[in-house]
Amino acid sequence: LDIMPKTMNIASTKQEKSLEHEVFGELSWV
């Protein structure tokens, strides 16, 4: 959610284990 994109790394995925890392857009929505 950075204004500037992160440095490119090797593509990876991860399973989110906490709500604060799973949800986004909530501040604009609220």
ModelCIF file with pLDDT and N, C-alpha, C, O atoms, coordinates in Angstrom:
data_MODEL
#
_entry.id   MODEL 
#
_entity.id                         1 
_entity.type                       polymer 
_entity.pdbx_number_of_molecules   1 
#
_entity_poly.entity_id                      1 
_entity_poly.type                           'polypeptide(L)' 
_entity_poly.nstd_linkage                   no 
_entity_poly.nstd_monomer                   no 
_entity_poly.pdbx_seq_one_letter_code       LDIMPKTMNIASTKQEKSLEHEVFGELSWV 
_entity_poly.pdbx_seq_one_letter_code_can   LDIMPKTMNIASTKQEKSLEHEVFGELSWV 
_entity_poly.pdbx_strand_id                 A 
#
loop_
_entity_poly_seq.entity_id 
_entity_poly_seq.num 
_entity_poly_seq.mon_id 
_entity_poly_seq.hetero 
1 1  LEU n 
1 2  ASP n 
1 3  ILE n 
1 4  MET n 
1 5  PRO n 
1 6  LYS n 
1 7  THR n 
1 8  MET n 
1 9  ASN n 
1 10 ILE n 
1 11 ALA n 
1 12 SER n 
1 13 THR n 
1 14 LYS n 
1 15 GLN n 
1 16 GLU n 
1 17 LYS n 
1 18 SER n 
1 19 LEU n 
1 20 GLU n 
1 21 HIS n 
1 22 GLU n 
1 23 VAL n 
1 24 PHE n 
1 25 GLY n 
1 26 GLU n 
1 27 LEU n 
1 28 SER n 
1 29 TRP n 
1 30 VAL n 
#
_struct_asym.id          A 
_struct_asym.entity_id   1 
#
loop_
_ma_qa_metric.id 
_ma_qa_metric.mode 
_ma_qa_metric.name 
_ma_qa_metric.software_group_id 
_ma_qa_metric.type 
1 global pLDDT . pLDDT 
2 local  pLDDT . pLDDT 
#
_ma_qa_metric_global.metric_id      1 
_ma_qa_metric_global.metric_value   54.77 
_ma_qa_metric_global.model_id       1 
_ma_qa_metric_global.ordinal_id     1 
#
loop_
_ma_qa_metric_local.label_asym_id 
_ma_qa_metric_local.label_comp_id 
_ma_qa_metric_local.label_seq_id 
_ma_qa_metric_local.metric_id 
_ma_qa_metric_local.metric_value 
_ma_qa_metric_local.model_id 
_ma_qa_metric_local.ordinal_id 
A LEU 1  2 72.00 1 1  
A ASP 2  2 62.00 1 2  
A ILE 3  2 51.00 1 3  
A MET 4  2 49.00 1 4  
A PRO 5  2 45.00 1 5  
A LYS 6  2 48.00 1 6  
A THR 7  2 47.00 1 7  
A MET 8  2 43.00 1 8  
A ASN 9  2 43.00 1 9  
A ILE 10 2 37.00 1 10 
A ALA 11 2 36.00 1 11 
A SER 12 2 35.00 1 12 
A THR 13 2 36.00 1 13 
A LYS 14 2 38.00 1 14 
A GLN 15 2 42.00 1 15 
A GLU 16 2 43.00 1 16 
A LYS 17 2 48.00 1 17 
A SER 18 2 46.00 1 18 
A LEU 19 2 49.00 1 19 
A GLU 20 2 47.00 1 20 
A HIS 21 2 61.00 1 21 
A GLU 22 2 73.00 1 22 
A VAL 23 2 76.00 1 23 
A PHE 24 2 72.00 1 24 
A GLY 25 2 73.00 1 25 
A GLU 26 2 73.00 1 26 
A LEU 27 2 73.00 1 27 
A SER 28 2 75.00 1 28 
A TRP 29 2 75.00 1 29 
A VAL 30 2 75.00 1 30 
#
loop_
_atom_site.group_PDB 
_atom_site.id 
_atom_site.type_symbol 
_atom_site.label_atom_id 
_atom_site.label_alt_id 
_atom_site.label_comp_id 
_atom_site.label_asym_id 
_atom_site.label_entity_id 
_atom_site.label_seq_id 
_atom_site.pdbx_PDB_ins_code 
_atom_site.Cartn_x 
_atom_site.Cartn_y 
_atom_site.Cartn_z 
_atom_site.occupancy 
_atom_site.B_iso_or_equiv 
_atom_site.pdbx_formal_charge 
_atom_site.auth_seq_id 
_atom_site.auth_comp_id 
_atom_site.auth_asym_id 
_atom_site.auth_atom_id 
_atom_site.pdbx_PDB_model_num 
ATOM 1   N N  . LEU A 1 1  ? 0.824   -1.191  0.000  1.00 72.00 ? 1  LEU A N  1 
ATOM 2   C CA . LEU A 1 1  ? 0.000   0.000   0.000  1.00 72.00 ? 1  LEU A CA 1 
ATOM 3   C C  . LEU A 1 1  ? 0.863   1.248   0.000  1.00 72.00 ? 1  LEU A C  1 
ATOM 4   O O  . LEU A 1 1  ? 0.397   2.334   0.342  1.00 72.00 ? 1  LEU A O  1 
ATOM 5   N N  . ASP A 1 2  ? 2.117   1.092   -0.382 1.00 62.00 ? 2  ASP A N  1 
ATOM 6   C CA . ASP A 1 2  ? 3.026   2.221   -0.440 1.00 62.00 ? 2  ASP A CA 1 
ATOM 7   C C  . ASP A 1 2  ? 2.654   3.137   -1.591 1.00 62.00 ? 2  ASP A C  1 
ATOM 8   O O  . ASP A 1 2  ? 2.088   2.700   -2.592 1.00 62.00 ? 2  ASP A O  1 
ATOM 9   N N  . ILE A 1 3  ? 2.979   4.413   -1.437 1.00 51.00 ? 3  ILE A N  1 
ATOM 10  C CA . ILE A 1 3  ? 2.766   5.353   -2.536 1.00 51.00 ? 3  ILE A CA 1 
ATOM 11  C C  . ILE A 1 3  ? 3.686   4.989   -3.692 1.00 51.00 ? 3  ILE A C  1 
ATOM 12  O O  . ILE A 1 3  ? 3.288   5.069   -4.854 1.00 51.00 ? 3  ILE A O  1 
ATOM 13  N N  . MET A 1 4  ? 4.901   4.593   -3.382 1.00 49.00 ? 4  MET A N  1 
ATOM 14  C CA . MET A 1 4  ? 5.827   4.123   -4.404 1.00 49.00 ? 4  MET A CA 1 
ATOM 15  C C  . MET A 1 4  ? 5.913   2.604   -4.278 1.00 49.00 ? 4  MET A C  1 
ATOM 16  O O  . MET A 1 4  ? 5.939   2.092   -3.159 1.00 49.00 ? 4  MET A O  1 
ATOM 17  N N  . PRO A 1 5  ? 5.959   1.875   -5.382 1.00 45.00 ? 5  PRO A N  1 
ATOM 18  C CA . PRO A 1 5  ? 6.011   0.417   -5.308 1.00 45.00 ? 5  PRO A CA 1 
ATOM 19  C C  . PRO A 1 5  ? 7.292   -0.074  -4.632 1.00 45.00 ? 5  PRO A C  1 
ATOM 20  O O  . PRO A 1 5  ? 8.332   0.583   -4.668 1.00 45.00 ? 5  PRO A O  1 
ATOM 21  N N  . LYS A 1 6  ? 7.179   -1.249  -4.018 1.00 48.00 ? 6  LYS A N  1 
ATOM 22  C CA . LYS A 1 6  ? 8.341   -1.871  -3.387 1.00 48.00 ? 6  LYS A CA 1 
ATOM 23  C C  . LYS A 1 6  ? 9.372   -2.257  -4.440 1.00 48.00 ? 6  LYS A C  1 
ATOM 24  O O  . LYS A 1 6  ? 9.050   -2.406  -5.619 1.00 48.00 ? 6  LYS A O  1 
ATOM 25  N N  . THR A 1 7  ? 10.613  -2.415  -3.998 1.00 47.00 ? 7  THR A N  1 
ATOM 26  C CA . THR A 1 7  ? 11.647  -2.939  -4.880 1.00 47.00 ? 7  THR A CA 1 
ATOM 27  C C  . THR A 1 7  ? 11.224  -4.327  -5.336 1.00 47.00 ? 7  THR A C  1 
ATOM 28  O O  . THR A 1 7  ? 10.717  -5.121  -4.543 1.00 47.00 ? 7  THR A O  1 
ATOM 29  N N  . MET A 1 8  ? 11.426  -4.608  -6.575 1.00 43.00 ? 8  MET A N  1 
ATOM 30  C CA . MET A 1 8  ? 11.005  -5.894  -7.112 1.00 43.00 ? 8  MET A CA 1 
ATOM 31  C C  . MET A 1 8  ? 11.812  -7.031  -6.491 1.00 43.00 ? 8  MET A C  1 
ATOM 32  O O  . MET A 1 8  ? 13.043  -7.004  -6.468 1.00 43.00 ? 8  MET A O  1 
ATOM 33  N N  . ASN A 1 9  ? 11.104  -8.008  -6.000 1.00 43.00 ? 9  ASN A N  1 
ATOM 34  C CA . ASN A 1 9  ? 11.710  -9.216  -5.451 1.00 43.00 ? 9  ASN A CA 1 
ATOM 35  C C  . ASN A 1 9  ? 11.150  -10.399 -6.213 1.00 43.00 ? 9  ASN A C  1 
ATOM 36  O O  . ASN A 1 9  ? 10.257  -10.243 -7.045 1.00 43.00 ? 9  ASN A O  1 
ATOM 37  N N  . ILE A 1 10 ? 11.665  -11.565 -5.936 1.00 37.00 ? 10 ILE A N  1 
ATOM 38  C CA . ILE A 1 10 ? 11.114  -12.764 -6.550 1.00 37.00 ? 10 ILE A CA 1 
ATOM 39  C C  . ILE A 1 10 ? 9.675   -12.921 -6.066 1.00 37.00 ? 10 ILE A C  1 
ATOM 40  O O  . ILE A 1 10 ? 9.392   -12.736 -4.882 1.00 37.00 ? 10 ILE A O  1 
ATOM 41  N N  . ALA A 1 11 ? 8.781   -13.258 -6.966 1.00 36.00 ? 11 ALA A N  1 
ATOM 42  C CA . ALA A 1 11 ? 7.368   -13.392 -6.620 1.00 36.00 ? 11 ALA A CA 1 
ATOM 43  C C  . ALA A 1 11 ? 7.187   -14.416 -5.513 1.00 36.00 ? 11 ALA A C  1 
ATOM 44  O O  . ALA A 1 11 ? 7.816   -15.474 -5.515 1.00 36.00 ? 11 ALA A O  1 
ATOM 45  N N  . SER A 1 12 ? 6.326   -14.088 -4.578 1.00 35.00 ? 12 SER A N  1 
ATOM 46  C CA . SER A 1 12 ? 6.043   -15.012 -3.478 1.00 35.00 ? 12 SER A CA 1 
ATOM 47  C C  . SER A 1 12 ? 4.628   -14.781 -2.997 1.00 35.00 ? 12 SER A C  1 
ATOM 48  O O  . SER A 1 12 ? 4.023   -13.747 -3.281 1.00 35.00 ? 12 SER A O  1 
ATOM 49  N N  . THR A 1 13 ? 4.111   -15.740 -2.276 1.00 36.00 ? 13 THR A N  1 
ATOM 50  C CA . THR A 1 13 ? 2.798   -15.583 -1.653 1.00 36.00 ? 13 THR A CA 1 
ATOM 51  C C  . THR A 1 13 ? 2.922   -15.998 -0.199 1.00 36.00 ? 13 THR A C  1 
ATOM 52  O O  . THR A 1 13 ? 3.863   -16.689 0.193  1.00 36.00 ? 13 THR A O  1 
ATOM 53  N N  . LYS A 1 14 ? 1.960   -15.564 0.585  1.00 38.00 ? 14 LYS A N  1 
ATOM 54  C CA . LYS A 1 14 ? 1.934   -15.980 1.984  1.00 38.00 ? 14 LYS A CA 1 
ATOM 55  C C  . LYS A 1 14 ? 0.496   -16.021 2.449  1.00 38.00 ? 14 LYS A C  1 
ATOM 56  O O  . LYS A 1 14 ? -0.366  -15.328 1.908  1.00 38.00 ? 14 LYS A O  1 
ATOM 57  N N  . GLN A 1 15 ? 0.252   -16.820 3.433  1.00 42.00 ? 15 GLN A N  1 
ATOM 58  C CA . GLN A 1 15 ? -1.077  -16.888 4.012  1.00 42.00 ? 15 GLN A CA 1 
ATOM 59  C C  . GLN A 1 15 ? -1.160  -15.850 5.120  1.00 42.00 ? 15 GLN A C  1 
ATOM 60  O O  . GLN A 1 15 ? -0.303  -15.806 6.002  1.00 42.00 ? 15 GLN A O  1 
ATOM 61  N N  . GLU A 1 16 ? -2.191  -15.016 5.073  1.00 43.00 ? 16 GLU A N  1 
ATOM 62  C CA . GLU A 1 16 ? -2.352  -13.992 6.097  1.00 43.00 ? 16 GLU A CA 1 
ATOM 63  C C  . GLU A 1 16 ? -2.876  -14.639 7.369  1.00 43.00 ? 16 GLU A C  1 
ATOM 64  O O  . GLU A 1 16 ? -3.817  -15.432 7.335  1.00 43.00 ? 16 GLU A O  1 
ATOM 65  N N  . LYS A 1 17 ? -2.256  -14.294 8.488  1.00 48.00 ? 17 LYS A N  1 
ATOM 66  C CA . LYS A 1 17 ? -2.641  -14.913 9.746  1.00 48.00 ? 17 LYS A CA 1 
ATOM 67  C C  . LYS A 1 17 ? -3.364  -13.945 10.670 1.00 48.00 ? 17 LYS A C  1 
ATOM 68  O O  . LYS A 1 17 ? -3.834  -14.347 11.734 1.00 48.00 ? 17 LYS A O  1 
ATOM 69  N N  . SER A 1 18 ? -3.462  -12.688 10.288 1.00 46.00 ? 18 SER A N  1 
ATOM 70  C CA . SER A 1 18 ? -4.135  -11.723 11.144 1.00 46.00 ? 18 SER A CA 1 
ATOM 71  C C  . SER A 1 18 ? -4.980  -10.777 10.315 1.00 46.00 ? 18 SER A C  1 
ATOM 72  O O  . SER A 1 18 ? -4.652  -10.476 9.167  1.00 46.00 ? 18 SER A O  1 
ATOM 73  N N  . LEU A 1 19 ? -6.049  -10.321 10.894 1.00 49.00 ? 19 LEU A N  1 
ATOM 74  C CA . LEU A 1 19 ? -7.001  -9.471  10.188 1.00 49.00 ? 19 LEU A CA 1 
ATOM 75  C C  . LEU A 1 19 ? -6.367  -8.200  9.653  1.00 49.00 ? 19 LEU A C  1 
ATOM 76  O O  . LEU A 1 19 ? -6.680  -7.774  8.542  1.00 49.00 ? 19 LEU A O  1 
ATOM 77  N N  . GLU A 1 20 ? -5.483  -7.591  10.424 1.00 47.00 ? 20 GLU A N  1 
ATOM 78  C CA . GLU A 1 20 ? -4.915  -6.319  9.975  1.00 47.00 ? 20 GLU A CA 1 
ATOM 79  C C  . GLU A 1 20 ? -4.028  -6.466  8.745  1.00 47.00 ? 20 GLU A C  1 
ATOM 80  O O  . GLU A 1 20 ? -3.698  -5.466  8.107  1.00 47.00 ? 20 GLU A O  1 
ATOM 81  N N  . HIS A 1 21 ? -3.636  -7.689  8.397  1.00 61.00 ? 21 HIS A N  1 
ATOM 82  C CA . HIS A 1 21 ? -2.872  -7.919  7.172  1.00 61.00 ? 21 HIS A CA 1 
ATOM 83  C C  . HIS A 1 21 ? -3.745  -8.473  6.054  1.00 61.00 ? 21 HIS A C  1 
ATOM 84  O O  . HIS A 1 21 ? -3.301  -8.567  4.909  1.00 61.00 ? 21 HIS A O  1 
ATOM 85  N N  . GLU A 1 22 ? -4.957  -8.832  6.369  1.00 73.00 ? 22 GLU A N  1 
ATOM 86  C CA . GLU A 1 22 ? -5.868  -9.448  5.411  1.00 73.00 ? 22 GLU A CA 1 
ATOM 87  C C  . GLU A 1 22 ? -6.788  -8.422  4.756  1.00 73.00 ? 22 GLU A C  1 
ATOM 88  O O  . GLU A 1 22 ? -7.142  -8.560  3.585  1.00 73.00 ? 22 GLU A O  1 
ATOM 89  N N  . VAL A 1 23 ? -7.171  -7.401  5.505  1.00 76.00 ? 23 VAL A N  1 
ATOM 90  C CA . VAL A 1 23 ? -8.141  -6.425  5.010  1.00 76.00 ? 23 VAL A CA 1 
ATOM 91  C C  . VAL A 1 23 ? -7.433  -5.119  4.648  1.00 76.00 ? 23 VAL A C  1 
ATOM 92  O O  . VAL A 1 23 ? -6.506  -4.696  5.338  1.00 76.00 ? 23 VAL A O  1 
ATOM 93  N N  . PHE A 1 24 ? -7.874  -4.492  3.572  1.00 72.00 ? 24 PHE A N  1 
ATOM 94  C CA . PHE A 1 24 ? -7.400  -3.146  3.263  1.00 72.00 ? 24 PHE A CA 1 
ATOM 95  C C  . PHE A 1 24 ? -8.502  -2.387  2.543  1.00 72.00 ? 24 PHE A C  1 
ATOM 96  O O  . PHE A 1 24 ? -9.455  -2.972  2.029  1.00 72.00 ? 24 PHE A O  1 
ATOM 97  N N  . GLY A 1 25 ? -8.348  -1.079  2.521  1.00 73.00 ? 25 GLY A N  1 
ATOM 98  C CA . GLY A 1 25 ? -9.382  -0.225  1.965  1.00 73.00 ? 25 GLY A CA 1 
ATOM 99  C C  . GLY A 1 25 ? -10.394 0.203   3.001  1.00 73.00 ? 25 GLY A C  1 
ATOM 100 O O  . GLY A 1 25 ? -11.314 0.969   2.715  1.00 73.00 ? 25 GLY A O  1 
ATOM 101 N N  . GLU A 1 26 ? -10.212 -0.306  4.225  1.00 73.00 ? 26 GLU A N  1 
ATOM 102 C CA . GLU A 1 26 ? -11.214 -0.030  5.264  1.00 73.00 ? 26 GLU A CA 1 
ATOM 103 C C  . GLU A 1 26 ? -11.233 1.425   5.713  1.00 73.00 ? 26 GLU A C  1 
ATOM 104 O O  . GLU A 1 26 ? -12.292 1.943   6.066  1.00 73.00 ? 26 GLU A O  1 
ATOM 105 N N  . LEU A 1 27 ? -10.084 2.094   5.706  1.00 73.00 ? 27 LEU A N  1 
ATOM 106 C CA . LEU A 1 27 ? -10.073 3.497   6.127  1.00 73.00 ? 27 LEU A CA 1 
ATOM 107 C C  . LEU A 1 27 ? -10.818 4.373   5.123  1.00 73.00 ? 27 LEU A C  1 
ATOM 108 O O  . LEU A 1 27 ? -11.628 5.214   5.514  1.00 73.00 ? 27 LEU A O  1 
ATOM 109 N N  . SER A 1 28 ? -10.551 4.183   3.849  1.00 75.00 ? 28 SER A N  1 
ATOM 110 C CA . SER A 1 28 ? -11.270 4.941   2.820  1.00 75.00 ? 28 SER A CA 1 
ATOM 111 C C  . SER A 1 28 ? -12.760 4.615   2.871  1.00 75.00 ? 28 SER A C  1 
ATOM 112 O O  . SER A 1 28 ? -13.604 5.496   2.709  1.00 75.00 ? 28 SER A O  1 
ATOM 113 N N  . TRP A 1 29 ? -13.070 3.347   3.096  1.00 75.00 ? 29 TRP A N  1 
ATOM 114 C CA . TRP A 1 29 ? -14.471 2.919   3.156  1.00 75.00 ? 29 TRP A CA 1 
ATOM 115 C C  . TRP A 1 29 ? -15.181 3.548   4.353  1.00 75.00 ? 29 TRP A C  1 
ATOM 116 O O  . TRP A 1 29 ? -16.269 4.104   4.207  1.00 75.00 ? 29 TRP A O  1 
ATOM 117 N N  . VAL A 1 30 ? -14.578 3.463   5.521  1.00 75.00 ? 30 VAL A N  1 
ATOM 118 C CA . VAL A 1 30 ? -15.200 4.015   6.723  1.00 75.00 ? 30 VAL A CA 1 
ATOM 119 C C  . VAL A 1 30 ? -15.346 5.532   6.614  1.00 75.00 ? 30 VAL A C  1 
ATOM 120 O O  . VAL A 1 30 ? -15.851 6.172   7.536  1.00 75.00 ? 30 VAL A O  1 
#
